[in-house]
Amino acid sequence: MLNDKIRAILEPVAEGHGAAVVSVEHYGRTLSVTVESAEGGVLNIGAISKLSGEFSAVLDVHDLIAGKYNLEVGSAGTNRPLVYLDDFAKRIGKTARVEIRAIGDEQHTFTGKINAVEGSVITIGDKKLEFGEVVRANLVMTDEEFREILKSKKGAK
């Protein structure tokens, strides 16, 4: 898949700057790359700008996308997408919103704490979901997490 090839090319560049590629999406004439710090945090605009320039140069050399396209590089932020199974495993205890393929009349969007990842099964709250059925997932910042961030910023002053 093209997105995986692009990710494989960009990941070493990101790692060289203490960052990681979260997701790559190519749609139409746009290539969107989401990044975060290697520790899982938000990157500042200077770091994103530097990565954007280096990503552009590397992509030009590999020439995987025919014709002109727009490169968008942005930080994952608080609603970070969960794209790979290990994204869930690294964030046990965090709150996520997970959309799965509809099964009969069952609800197909679940929000809750990531409680476990066993093999390819993710436990969100009390629901066990097969990773292969996940259509889209992202972290959700709860009010409690937001208050903790505010407290830590006040304490740092």
C-alpha atoms as a PDB file:
ATOM      1  CA  MET A   1       0.000   0.000   0.000  1.00  0.00           C
ATOM      2  CA  LEU A   2       1.277   3.475  -0.905  1.00  0.00           C
ATOM      3  CA  ASN A   3       0.698   4.957   2.569  1.00  0.00           C
ATOM      4  CA  ASP A   4       2.848   2.223   4.151  1.00  0.00           C
ATOM      5  CA  LYS A   5       5.660   2.800   1.630  1.00  0.00           C
ATOM      6  CA  ILE A   6       5.596   6.535   2.325  1.00  0.00           C
ATOM      7  CA  ARG A   7       5.577   5.940   6.092  1.00  0.00           C
ATOM      8  CA  ALA A   8       8.610   3.641   5.773  1.00  0.00           C
ATOM      9  CA  ILE A   9      10.499   6.381   3.909  1.00  0.00           C
ATOM     10  CA  LEU A  10       9.532   9.186   6.305  1.00  0.00           C
ATOM     11  CA  GLU A  11       9.947   7.355   9.630  1.00  0.00           C
ATOM     12  CA  PRO A  12      13.798   7.461   9.658  1.00  0.00           C
ATOM     13  CA  VAL A  13      13.699  11.195   8.892  1.00  0.00           C
ATOM     14  CA  ALA A  14      11.291  11.776  11.777  1.00  0.00           C
ATOM     15  CA  GLU A  15      13.350   9.603  14.137  1.00  0.00           C
ATOM     16  CA  GLY A  16      16.419  11.684  13.308  1.00  0.00           C
ATOM     17  CA  HIS A  17      14.568  14.665  14.793  1.00  0.00           C
ATOM     18  CA  GLY A  18      13.217  12.914  17.890  1.00  0.00           C
ATOM     19  CA  ALA A  19       9.791  12.478  16.298  1.00  0.00           C
ATOM     20  CA  ALA A  20       7.581   9.676  15.022  1.00  0.00           C
ATOM     21  CA  VAL A  21       5.161   9.376  12.113  1.00  0.00           C
ATOM     22  CA  VAL A  22       1.667   8.699  13.462  1.00  0.00           C
ATOM     23  CA  SER A  23      -0.217   8.360  10.192  1.00  0.00           C
ATOM     24  CA  VAL A  24       0.054   8.923   6.460  1.00  0.00           C
ATOM     25  CA  GLU A  25      -3.004   9.545   4.284  1.00  0.00           C
ATOM     26  CA  HIS A  26      -2.939  10.138   0.537  1.00  0.00           C
ATOM     27  CA  TYR A  27      -6.192  11.357  -0.950  1.00  0.00           C
ATOM     28  CA  GLY A  28      -6.595  13.162  -4.243  1.00  0.00           C
ATOM     29  CA  ARG A  29      -3.726  15.594  -4.613  1.00  0.00           C
ATOM     30  CA  THR A  30      -2.999  15.803  -0.863  1.00  0.00           C
ATOM     31  CA  LEU A  31      -0.521  13.854   1.226  1.00  0.00           C
ATOM     32  CA  SER A  32      -1.255  14.340   4.922  1.00  0.00           C
ATOM     33  CA  VAL A  33       1.380  13.251   7.459  1.00  0.00           C
ATOM     34  CA  THR A  34       0.661  13.355  11.184  1.00  0.00           C
ATOM     35  CA  VAL A  35       3.655  13.402  13.551  1.00  0.00           C
ATOM     36  CA  GLU A  36       4.370  13.505  17.276  1.00  0.00           C
ATOM     37  CA  SER A  37       7.434  13.622  19.504  1.00  0.00           C
ATOM     38  CA  ALA A  38       9.155  10.278  20.073  1.00  0.00           C
ATOM     39  CA  GLU A  39       7.736  10.364  23.631  1.00  0.00           C
ATOM     40  CA  GLY A  40       4.208  10.720  22.266  1.00  0.00           C
ATOM     41  CA  GLY A  41       3.800  14.451  22.793  1.00  0.00           C
ATOM     42  CA  VAL A  42       2.901  17.396  20.610  1.00  0.00           C
ATOM     43  CA  LEU A  43       5.577  18.992  18.394  1.00  0.00           C
ATOM     44  CA  ASN A  44       5.982  22.754  18.133  1.00  0.00           C
ATOM     45  CA  ILE A  45       5.559  24.617  14.848  1.00  0.00           C
ATOM     46  CA  GLY A  46       9.324  24.952  14.316  1.00  0.00           C
ATOM     47  CA  ALA A  47       9.846  21.191  14.528  1.00  0.00           C
ATOM     48  CA  ILE A  48       6.894  20.557  12.208  1.00  0.00           C
ATOM     49  CA  SER A  49       8.224  23.079   9.701  1.00  0.00           C
ATOM     50  CA  LYS A  50      11.666  21.453   9.707  1.00  0.00           C
ATOM     51  CA  LEU A  51      10.142  17.987   9.258  1.00  0.00           C
ATOM     52  CA  SER A  52       7.923  19.242   6.442  1.00  0.00           C
ATOM     53  CA  GLY A  53      10.926  20.523   4.489  1.00  0.00           C
ATOM     54  CA  GLU A  54      12.887  17.312   4.983  1.00  0.00           C
ATOM     55  CA  PHE A  55       9.880  15.116   4.183  1.00  0.00           C
ATOM     56  CA  SER A  56       9.369  17.065   0.959  1.00  0.00           C
ATOM     57  CA  ALA A  57      12.995  16.562  -0.114  1.00  0.00           C
ATOM     58  CA  VAL A  58      12.934  12.820   0.643  1.00  0.00           C
ATOM     59  CA  LEU A  59       9.613  12.329  -1.124  1.00  0.00           C
ATOM     60  CA  ASP A  60      10.922  14.152  -4.206  1.00  0.00           C
ATOM     61  CA  VAL A  61      13.876  11.753  -4.384  1.00  0.00           C
ATOM     62  CA  HIS A  62      11.661   8.641  -4.119  1.00  0.00           C
ATOM     63  CA  ASP A  63       8.989  10.034  -6.491  1.00  0.00           C
ATOM     64  CA  LEU A  64       6.196   7.720  -5.267  1.00  0.00           C
ATOM     65  CA  ILE A  65       3.352  10.110  -6.079  1.00  0.00           C
ATOM     66  CA  ALA A  66       2.779  10.971  -9.735  1.00  0.00           C
ATOM     67  CA  GLY A  67       2.272  14.639 -10.531  1.00  0.00           C
ATOM     68  CA  LYS A  68       1.966  17.575  -8.192  1.00  0.00           C
ATOM     69  CA  TYR A  69       0.515  17.206  -4.710  1.00  0.00           C
ATOM     70  CA  ASN A  70       0.176  19.208  -1.509  1.00  0.00           C
ATOM     71  CA  LEU A  71       2.129  17.988   1.512  1.00  0.00           C
ATOM     72  CA  GLU A  72       0.445  18.681   4.847  1.00  0.00           C
ATOM     73  CA  VAL A  73       2.417  17.924   8.015  1.00  0.00           C
ATOM     74  CA  GLY A  74       0.780  18.409  11.391  1.00  0.00           C
ATOM     75  CA  SER A  75       1.030  17.348  15.016  1.00  0.00           C
ATOM     76  CA  ALA A  76      -1.244  14.602  16.314  1.00  0.00           C
ATOM     77  CA  GLY A  77      -2.541  16.767  19.149  1.00  0.00           C
ATOM     78  CA  THR A  78      -4.913  15.659  21.882  1.00  0.00           C
ATOM     79  CA  ASN A  79      -7.216  13.645  19.606  1.00  0.00           C
ATOM     80  CA  ARG A  80      -4.348  11.569  18.210  1.00  0.00           C
ATOM     81  CA  PRO A  81      -5.442   8.924  15.722  1.00  0.00           C
ATOM     82  CA  LEU A  82      -4.892   5.311  16.731  1.00  0.00           C
ATOM     83  CA  VAL A  83      -3.852   3.643  13.491  1.00  0.00           C
ATOM     84  CA  TYR A  84      -1.845   0.571  14.465  1.00  0.00           C
ATOM     85  CA  LEU A  85      -2.450  -2.107  17.073  1.00  0.00           C
ATOM     86  CA  ASP A  86       0.595  -0.975  19.052  1.00  0.00           C
ATOM     87  CA  ASP A  87      -0.923   2.539  19.247  1.00  0.00           C
ATOM     88  CA  PHE A  88      -3.593   1.022  21.504  1.00  0.00           C
ATOM     89  CA  ALA A  89      -1.100  -1.055  23.505  1.00  0.00           C
ATOM     90  CA  LYS A  90       1.035   2.025  24.255  1.00  0.00           C
ATOM     91  CA  ARG A  91      -1.992   3.954  25.530  1.00  0.00           C
ATOM     92  CA  ILE A  92      -3.652   1.567  27.956  1.00  0.00           C
ATOM     93  CA  GLY A  93      -5.575   3.626  30.505  1.00  0.00           C
ATOM     94  CA  LYS A  94      -6.308   6.439  28.033  1.00  0.00           C
ATOM     95  CA  THR A  95      -9.773   7.164  26.672  1.00  0.00           C
ATOM     96  CA  ALA A  96     -10.467   6.372  23.023  1.00  0.00           C
ATOM     97  CA  ARG A  97     -13.327   6.593  20.565  1.00  0.00           C
ATOM     98  CA  VAL A  98     -13.374   3.564  18.268  1.00  0.00           C
ATOM     99  CA  GLU A  99     -15.579   3.080  15.238  1.00  0.00           C
ATOM    100  CA  ILE A 100     -15.995  -0.467  13.982  1.00  0.00           C
ATOM    101  CA  ARG A 101     -17.801  -1.957  10.987  1.00  0.00           C
ATOM    102  CA  ALA A 102     -21.525  -2.170  11.782  1.00  0.00           C
ATOM    103  CA  ILE A 103     -22.642  -5.596  12.955  1.00  0.00           C
ATOM    104  CA  GLY A 104     -26.394  -6.049  12.763  1.00  0.00           C
ATOM    105  CA  ASP A 105     -28.172  -3.596  15.062  1.00  0.00           C
ATOM    106  CA  GLU A 106     -25.255  -3.277  17.495  1.00  0.00           C
ATOM    107  CA  GLN A 107     -23.732   0.086  18.264  1.00  0.00           C
ATOM    108  CA  HIS A 108     -20.685   0.610  16.093  1.00  0.00           C
ATOM    109  CA  THR A 109     -18.957   3.492  17.895  1.00  0.00           C
ATOM    110  CA  PHE A 110     -17.520   2.921  21.349  1.00  0.00           C
ATOM    111  CA  THR A 111     -15.923   5.413  23.727  1.00  0.00           C
ATOM    112  CA  GLY A 112     -14.102   4.296  26.839  1.00  0.00           C
ATOM    113  CA  LYS A 113     -10.799   3.524  28.481  1.00  0.00           C
ATOM    114  CA  ILE A 114      -8.362   1.263  26.655  1.00  0.00           C
ATOM    115  CA  ASN A 115      -8.174  -1.523  29.224  1.00  0.00           C
ATOM    116  CA  ALA A 116      -6.204  -4.202  27.406  1.00  0.00           C
ATOM    117  CA  VAL A 117      -4.722  -5.405  24.147  1.00  0.00           C
ATOM    118  CA  GLU A 118      -4.413  -9.170  23.854  1.00  0.00           C
ATOM    119  CA  GLY A 119      -3.320 -10.472  20.471  1.00  0.00           C
ATOM    120  CA  SER A 120      -5.515  -8.579  18.025  1.00  0.00           C
ATOM    121  CA  VAL A 121      -8.324  -7.927  20.532  1.00  0.00           C
ATOM    122  CA  ILE A 122      -8.672  -4.471  22.063  1.00  0.00           C
ATOM    123  CA  THR A 123     -10.757  -3.990  25.206  1.00  0.00           C
ATOM    124  CA  ILE A 124     -12.480  -0.590  25.325  1.00  0.00           C
ATOM    125  CA  GLY A 125     -14.400  -0.294  28.573  1.00  0.00           C
ATOM    126  CA  ASP A 126     -16.073  -3.709  28.831  1.00  0.00           C
ATOM    127  CA  LYS A 127     -16.252  -4.290  25.047  1.00  0.00           C
ATOM    128  CA  LYS A 128     -13.805  -6.595  23.281  1.00  0.00           C
ATOM    129  CA  LEU A 129     -13.167  -5.421  19.717  1.00  0.00           C
ATOM    130  CA  GLU A 130     -11.212  -7.170  16.979  1.00  0.00           C
ATOM    131  CA  PHE A 131      -8.567  -4.776  15.605  1.00  0.00           C
ATOM    132  CA  GLY A 132      -9.365  -5.866  12.040  1.00  0.00           C
ATOM    133  CA  GLU A 133     -12.899  -4.489  12.476  1.00  0.00           C
ATOM    134  CA  VAL A 134     -11.688  -0.992  13.473  1.00  0.00           C
ATOM    135  CA  VAL A 135     -12.549   1.592  10.832  1.00  0.00           C
ATOM    136  CA  ARG A 136     -11.320   4.657  12.734  1.00  0.00           C
ATOM    137  CA  ALA A 137     -10.060   5.369  16.229  1.00  0.00           C
ATOM    138  CA  ASN A 138      -8.625   8.294  18.142  1.00  0.00           C
ATOM    139  CA  LEU A 139      -7.785   9.384  21.654  1.00  0.00           C
ATOM    140  CA  VAL A 140     -10.342  11.517  23.455  1.00  0.00           C
ATOM    141  CA  MET A 141      -9.314  14.007  26.125  1.00  0.00           C
ATOM    142  CA  THR A 142     -11.553  13.716  29.139  1.00  0.00           C
ATOM    143  CA  ASP A 143     -12.381  16.623  31.457  1.00  0.00           C
ATOM    144  CA  GLU A 144     -10.232  14.963  34.132  1.00  0.00           C
ATOM    145  CA  GLU A 145      -7.205  14.760  31.800  1.00  0.00           C
ATOM    146  CA  PHE A 146      -7.725  18.384  30.787  1.00  0.00           C
ATOM    147  CA  ARG A 147      -7.769  19.482  34.441  1.00  0.00           C
ATOM    148  CA  GLU A 148      -4.541  17.531  35.067  1.00  0.00           C
ATOM    149  CA  ILE A 149      -2.836  19.351  32.183  1.00  0.00           C
ATOM    150  CA  LEU A 150      -3.964  22.706  33.544  1.00  0.00           C
ATOM    151  CA  LYS A 151      -2.711  21.772  37.015  1.00  0.00           C
ATOM    152  CA  SER A 152       0.694  20.721  35.691  1.00  0.00           C
ATOM    153  CA  LYS A 153       1.027  23.989  33.724  1.00  0.00           C
ATOM    154  CA  LYS A 154       0.154  26.050  36.799  1.00  0.00           C
ATOM    155  CA  GLY A 155       2.689  24.081  38.843  1.00  0.00           C
ATOM    156  CA  ALA A 156       5.402  24.742  36.234  1.00  0.00           C
ATOM    157  CA  LYS A 157       5.057  28.531  36.576  1.00  0.00           C
END
